[in-house]
């Protein structure tokens, strides 16, 4: 099967920026209180239901390790081999694999939770239904999804990110549209939280909590 061009662009770009990404992005412990509260709520819900948790688009593994510290059997998946290598070096006690969130090497209904933390915005909107269907496929009945990311109405083509040339694109959708797509994939959305970005009135940060 031919690899989608957007997936190759994401992999190659994050391979290039991996080391500086780690240096520039704040760790979970320094996130704003609301974001940390959403991660904590997700962790509590998944602990109650049991089952492993996949951190999809895990990057260098910091959030995966944060979830493990909250008592979850968490592992990470990322399309970037460089990101996976950094995660394995930083957290050798955890499992990290290279792969695509659109085609997970997991059996149906095997996960208690899925985290997609600022990782789906590089997916073209036309491909999101298939990605969300894949999230739904791997979750056990009643398993939880936490989707965190950027919300808005924009298609961005940055020439540079984290100090390096990049070829990925970002597709920002309104929070309501993301919630609708999750519902169409078979999820029940139980919480939706938006935080404004003071520096960008046309964009916000969004967290969507749902169950399969």
Protein backbone atom coordinates (compact mmCIF):
# COMPACT_ATOMS: atom_id res chain seq x y z
CA UNK A 1 0.00 0.00 0.00
CA UNK A 2 1.34 3.43 -0.94
CA UNK A 3 2.10 5.65 2.01
CA UNK A 4 0.00 8.84 2.09
CA UNK A 5 2.08 11.91 1.30
CA UNK A 6 1.00 13.70 4.47
CA UNK A 7 2.22 10.80 6.61
CA UNK A 8 5.65 10.83 4.96
CA UNK A 9 5.83 14.60 5.49
CA UNK A 10 5.01 14.25 9.18
CA UNK A 11 7.55 11.46 9.69
CA UNK A 12 10.37 13.21 7.85
CA UNK A 13 9.68 16.57 9.48
CA UNK A 14 9.58 15.22 13.02
CA UNK A 15 12.67 13.12 12.39
CA UNK A 16 14.42 16.40 11.53
CA UNK A 17 13.15 18.43 14.50
CA UNK A 18 13.17 15.72 17.17
CA UNK A 19 16.14 16.89 19.26
CA UNK A 20 15.08 20.53 19.28
CA UNK A 21 11.45 19.61 19.90
CA UNK A 22 12.49 18.03 23.20
CA UNK A 23 14.41 21.16 24.11
CA UNK A 24 11.62 23.60 23.23
CA UNK A 25 8.39 21.89 24.32
CA UNK A 26 7.45 22.11 27.98
CA UNK A 27 7.09 18.84 29.92
CA UNK A 28 3.66 17.75 31.19
CA UNK A 29 4.51 18.80 34.74
CA UNK A 30 4.73 22.42 33.50
CA UNK A 31 1.50 22.39 31.47
CA UNK A 32 -1.33 24.68 32.53
CA UNK A 33 -3.52 23.36 35.37
CA UNK A 34 -6.52 22.71 33.11
CA UNK A 35 -4.56 20.47 30.73
CA UNK A 36 -3.09 18.54 33.63
CA UNK A 37 -6.56 18.17 35.14
CA UNK A 38 -7.88 16.69 31.89
CA UNK A 39 -5.03 14.19 31.79
CA UNK A 40 -5.70 13.30 35.43
CA UNK A 41 -9.43 12.82 34.78
CA UNK A 42 -8.66 10.60 31.80
CA UNK A 43 -6.25 8.55 33.90
CA UNK A 44 -8.83 8.08 36.66
CA UNK A 45 -11.50 6.95 34.21
CA UNK A 46 -9.18 4.46 32.52
CA UNK A 47 -7.91 3.09 35.83
CA UNK A 48 -11.50 2.37 36.82
CA UNK A 49 -12.08 0.43 33.60
CA UNK A 50 -8.68 -1.20 33.28
CA UNK A 51 -6.69 -2.04 30.16
CA UNK A 52 -3.56 -0.59 28.58
CA UNK A 53 -3.40 2.93 27.14
CA UNK A 54 -1.90 3.93 23.80
CA UNK A 55 -0.41 7.43 23.54
CA UNK A 56 -0.78 7.98 19.80
CA UNK A 57 1.64 10.52 18.35
CA UNK A 58 3.67 10.19 21.54
CA UNK A 59 6.69 12.16 20.32
CA UNK A 60 9.59 11.87 22.80
CA UNK A 61 7.44 10.01 25.31
CA UNK A 62 7.04 12.62 28.02
CA UNK A 63 3.25 12.41 28.18
CA UNK A 64 3.39 8.61 27.98
CA UNK A 65 5.64 8.62 31.04
CA UNK A 66 3.34 11.12 32.76
CA UNK A 67 0.40 8.75 32.24
CA UNK A 68 2.48 5.88 33.60
CA UNK A 69 3.16 8.02 36.66
CA UNK A 70 -0.61 8.40 37.08
CA UNK A 71 -0.91 4.63 37.35
CA UNK A 72 -1.68 3.62 33.74
CA UNK A 73 -0.13 0.81 31.70
CA UNK A 74 0.84 3.29 29.00
CA UNK A 75 2.83 2.78 25.83
CA UNK A 76 3.61 5.13 22.95
CA UNK A 77 3.24 5.03 19.17
CA UNK A 78 4.74 7.58 16.82
CA UNK A 79 5.37 7.73 13.09
CA UNK A 80 8.80 9.33 13.63
CA UNK A 81 11.63 6.90 14.21
CA UNK A 82 13.76 9.65 15.74
CA UNK A 83 11.04 10.50 18.25
CA UNK A 84 10.65 6.84 19.17
CA UNK A 85 14.42 6.51 19.65
CA UNK A 86 14.45 9.53 21.97
CA UNK A 87 11.53 8.13 23.95
CA UNK A 88 13.17 4.74 24.35
CA UNK A 89 16.40 6.33 25.61
CA UNK A 90 14.59 8.59 28.06
CA UNK A 91 12.15 5.97 29.37
CA UNK A 92 13.65 2.50 28.86
CA UNK A 93 11.10 0.97 31.23
CA UNK A 94 8.24 1.85 28.86
CA UNK A 95 7.33 0.50 25.43
CA UNK A 96 7.49 2.72 22.35
CA UNK A 97 6.86 1.58 18.78
CA UNK A 98 7.05 3.27 15.41
CA UNK A 99 3.76 3.20 13.56
CA UNK A 100 0.84 5.14 12.16
CA UNK A 101 -2.24 6.04 14.20
CA UNK A 102 -4.25 5.39 11.03
CA UNK A 103 -3.22 1.71 10.92
CA UNK A 104 -2.40 0.43 14.39
CA UNK A 105 -0.81 -2.98 14.87
CA UNK A 106 -3.31 -3.81 17.61
CA UNK A 107 -6.19 -6.27 17.84
CA UNK A 108 -9.75 -5.05 18.07
CA UNK A 109 -10.95 -3.96 21.50
CA UNK A 110 -7.66 -4.43 23.33
CA UNK A 111 -7.17 -0.97 24.88
CA UNK A 112 -8.67 0.67 27.91
CA UNK A 113 -7.70 4.11 26.71
CA UNK A 114 -6.38 6.12 23.78
CA UNK A 115 -4.66 9.47 24.13
CA UNK A 116 -4.19 11.67 21.08
CA UNK A 117 -2.46 14.73 22.53
CA UNK A 118 -1.78 17.44 19.93
CA UNK A 119 -1.23 14.75 17.32
CA UNK A 120 -4.17 14.69 14.89
CA UNK A 121 -3.89 18.21 13.44
CA UNK A 122 -1.43 17.06 10.78
CA UNK A 123 -4.09 14.70 9.39
CA UNK A 124 -6.12 16.10 6.45
CA UNK A 125 -9.79 16.50 7.45
CA UNK A 126 -10.88 13.99 4.79
CA UNK A 127 -8.73 11.34 6.52
CA UNK A 128 -9.90 12.03 10.08
CA UNK A 129 -12.98 9.75 9.93
CA UNK A 130 -10.74 6.77 9.18
CA UNK A 131 -8.32 7.75 11.96
CA UNK A 132 -11.12 8.12 14.51
CA UNK A 133 -12.60 4.80 13.35
CA UNK A 134 -9.22 3.22 14.05
CA UNK A 135 -9.22 4.70 17.56
CA UNK A 136 -12.68 3.21 18.06
CA UNK A 137 -11.62 -0.19 16.69
CA UNK A 138 -8.80 -0.71 19.18
CA UNK A 139 -10.74 0.46 22.25
CA UNK A 140 -12.65 -2.03 24.36
CA UNK A 141 -16.33 -1.25 24.90
CA UNK A 142 -16.47 1.58 27.41
CA UNK A 143 -12.83 2.48 26.83
CA UNK A 144 -11.96 6.16 26.92
CA UNK A 145 -10.42 8.57 24.43
CA UNK A 146 -8.87 11.92 25.29
CA UNK A 147 -8.25 14.12 22.28
CA UNK A 148 -6.27 17.28 22.93
CA UNK A 149 -5.13 19.79 20.37
CA UNK A 150 -5.61 22.94 18.40
CA UNK A 151 -9.04 24.16 17.30
CA UNK A 152 -9.89 26.77 14.71
CA UNK A 153 -10.55 27.09 11.03
CA UNK A 154 -7.24 27.19 9.18
CA UNK A 155 -4.96 25.23 6.89
CA UNK A 156 -1.34 26.06 7.74
CA UNK A 157 1.76 25.32 5.69
CA UNK A 158 4.74 26.39 7.83
CA UNK A 159 8.10 26.50 6.14
CA UNK A 160 9.91 26.05 9.45
CA UNK A 161 9.19 24.67 12.90
CA UNK A 162 11.39 24.17 15.97
CA UNK A 163 14.26 25.76 14.07
CA UNK A 164 14.18 23.41 11.06
CA UNK A 165 12.56 23.34 7.62
CA UNK A 166 9.44 21.15 7.64
CA UNK A 167 7.05 19.79 5.04
CA UNK A 168 4.04 18.90 7.19
CA UNK A 169 0.79 20.85 7.16
CA UNK A 170 -1.62 21.62 9.99
CA UNK A 171 -5.39 21.43 9.60
CA UNK A 172 -7.31 23.21 12.35
CA UNK A 173 -11.00 22.39 12.74
CA UNK A 174 -13.59 23.91 15.07
CA UNK A 175 -14.11 21.98 18.29
CA UNK A 176 -17.70 21.23 17.32
CA UNK A 177 -16.60 19.67 14.07
CA UNK A 178 -14.09 17.44 15.87
CA UNK A 179 -16.82 16.37 18.30
CA UNK A 180 -19.15 15.56 15.41
CA UNK A 181 -16.49 13.44 13.71
CA UNK A 182 -15.92 11.49 16.93
CA UNK A 183 -19.65 10.87 17.26
CA UNK A 184 -19.81 9.65 13.66
CA UNK A 185 -17.01 7.20 14.49
CA UNK A 186 -19.10 5.70 17.29
CA UNK A 187 -17.87 7.70 20.30
CA UNK A 188 -19.99 9.34 22.96
CA UNK A 189 -18.43 12.70 23.82
CA UNK A 190 -18.82 13.36 27.54
CA UNK A 191 -16.78 16.54 27.99
CA UNK A 192 -15.57 19.37 25.78
CA UNK A 193 -13.23 22.05 27.04
CA UNK A 194 -11.89 25.01 25.07
CA UNK A 195 -9.22 27.41 26.23
CA UNK A 196 -8.71 30.66 24.32
CA UNK A 197 -5.31 31.64 23.02
CA UNK A 198 -4.80 35.31 23.97
CA UNK A 199 -2.22 35.77 21.25
CA UNK A 200 -4.47 34.29 18.54
CA UNK A 201 -8.14 35.22 18.76
CA UNK A 202 -9.01 32.90 15.85
CA UNK A 203 -7.70 29.77 17.60
CA UNK A 204 -8.08 27.87 20.82
CA UNK A 205 -6.91 24.78 22.61
CA UNK A 206 -9.46 22.00 22.93
CA UNK A 207 -9.83 18.78 24.94
CA UNK A 208 -12.51 16.25 24.07
CA UNK A 209 -13.21 13.32 26.38
CA UNK A 210 -15.22 10.43 24.97
CA UNK A 211 -15.91 6.75 25.43
CA UNK A 212 -16.38 3.90 22.97
